[in-house]
Amino acid sequence: MADAGSDSIRLDRWLHRARLFRTRTLAADAISGGGIRVNGQPCRKPARTLRPGDLITVSAHGRVRAMRVLALGDRRGPATEAATLYEELGP
């Protein structure tokens, strides 16, 4: 769990907080299915530790998105808050 002062978070929890998936279960399924890369390496474990600065590639919803983790977040907030958790890379 990422509390104030924590420097890491589970990958599935972050994907949910960043609003890339509607539920943590959907995020975990995408990770287990091989649709997520962390720092260029395939990841199949939802409990993978994620830290600010990590690079994530997400293949979901018919598109591929590359992003850099900027913050871990304290909750799943509105889209404007979620957008502050990452920086989109590429076109």
Protein backbone atom coordinates (compact mmCIF):
# COMPACT_ATOMS: atom_id res chain seq x y z
CA MET A 1 0.00 0.00 0.00
CA ALA A 2 1.34 3.44 -0.88
CA ASP A 3 0.94 5.75 2.06
CA ALA A 4 2.45 9.18 2.50
CA GLY A 5 6.19 8.64 2.65
CA SER A 6 6.10 5.29 0.85
CA ASP A 7 8.30 5.12 -2.23
CA SER A 8 6.73 2.15 -4.00
CA ILE A 9 3.34 0.69 -4.90
CA ARG A 10 1.96 -2.48 -6.48
CA LEU A 11 1.71 -2.21 -10.26
CA ASP A 12 -1.98 -3.18 -10.39
CA ARG A 13 -2.85 -0.59 -7.73
CA TRP A 14 -1.01 2.17 -9.61
CA LEU A 15 -2.66 1.30 -12.94
CA HIS A 16 -6.04 1.56 -11.21
CA ARG A 17 -5.20 4.87 -9.49
CA ALA A 18 -3.90 6.29 -12.78
CA ARG A 19 -7.30 5.39 -14.27
CA LEU A 20 -5.81 3.20 -16.99
CA PHE A 21 -8.14 0.38 -15.90
CA ARG A 22 -11.57 0.60 -14.32
CA THR A 23 -10.80 -1.98 -11.61
CA ARG A 24 -7.72 -3.52 -10.03
CA THR A 25 -8.93 -6.91 -11.23
CA LEU A 26 -8.89 -5.71 -14.86
CA ALA A 27 -5.42 -4.26 -14.30
CA ALA A 28 -4.20 -7.54 -12.79
CA ASP A 29 -5.68 -9.49 -15.72
CA ALA A 30 -3.89 -7.23 -18.23
CA ILE A 31 -0.61 -7.68 -16.35
CA SER A 32 -1.01 -11.47 -16.16
CA GLY A 33 -1.90 -11.54 -19.86
CA GLY A 34 1.39 -9.89 -20.80
CA GLY A 35 0.03 -6.50 -21.84
CA ILE A 36 2.30 -4.48 -19.54
CA ARG A 37 6.06 -3.80 -19.64
CA VAL A 38 8.00 -2.12 -16.85
CA ASN A 39 11.33 -0.54 -17.76
CA GLY A 40 11.26 -2.46 -21.05
CA GLN A 41 10.84 -5.87 -19.41
CA PRO A 42 7.64 -7.94 -19.72
CA CYS A 43 5.81 -8.14 -16.41
CA ARG A 44 3.25 -10.80 -15.47
CA LYS A 45 3.01 -10.19 -11.72
CA PRO A 46 0.40 -7.69 -10.46
CA ALA A 47 2.38 -7.29 -7.22
CA ARG A 48 5.45 -5.98 -9.10
CA THR A 49 6.87 -2.98 -7.25
CA LEU A 50 6.62 0.33 -9.06
CA ARG A 51 8.52 3.52 -8.19
CA PRO A 52 8.56 7.08 -9.52
CA GLY A 53 10.76 7.27 -12.61
CA ASP A 54 9.83 3.79 -13.87
CA LEU A 55 8.84 3.52 -17.53
CA ILE A 56 5.62 1.66 -18.30
CA THR A 57 4.26 0.43 -21.62
CA VAL A 58 0.58 -0.47 -21.56
CA SER A 59 -1.13 -2.33 -24.39
CA ALA A 60 -4.85 -2.10 -23.73
CA HIS A 61 -8.10 -0.78 -25.16
CA GLY A 62 -6.81 -1.07 -28.73
CA ARG A 63 -3.77 1.15 -28.26
CA VAL A 64 -0.25 1.16 -26.86
CA ARG A 65 0.78 3.88 -24.42
CA ALA A 66 4.25 4.59 -23.06
CA MET A 67 4.56 6.64 -19.88
CA ARG A 68 6.90 7.59 -17.07
CA VAL A 69 5.64 7.28 -13.48
CA LEU A 70 5.82 10.70 -11.82
CA ALA A 71 3.93 9.98 -8.59
CA LEU A 72 2.29 7.05 -6.82
CA GLY A 73 -0.95 8.72 -5.75
CA ASP A 74 -2.90 8.35 -2.54
CA ARG A 75 -6.23 7.32 -4.04
CA ARG A 76 -8.15 6.80 -7.26
CA GLY A 77 -9.28 10.35 -7.83
CA PRO A 78 -10.77 12.23 -10.77
CA ALA A 79 -9.11 12.07 -14.19
CA THR A 80 -7.40 15.43 -13.68
CA GLU A 81 -5.73 14.11 -10.53
CA ALA A 82 -4.84 10.79 -12.17
CA ALA A 83 -3.15 12.60 -15.08
CA THR A 84 -0.59 14.04 -12.64
CA LEU A 85 0.66 10.52 -11.81
CA TYR A 86 2.37 10.01 -15.19
CA GLU A 87 3.91 11.68 -18.21
CA GLU A 88 2.96 10.38 -21.66
CA LEU A 89 5.97 9.53 -23.83
CA GLY A 90 6.01 9.42 -27.61
CA PRO A 91 3.66 11.03 -30.14
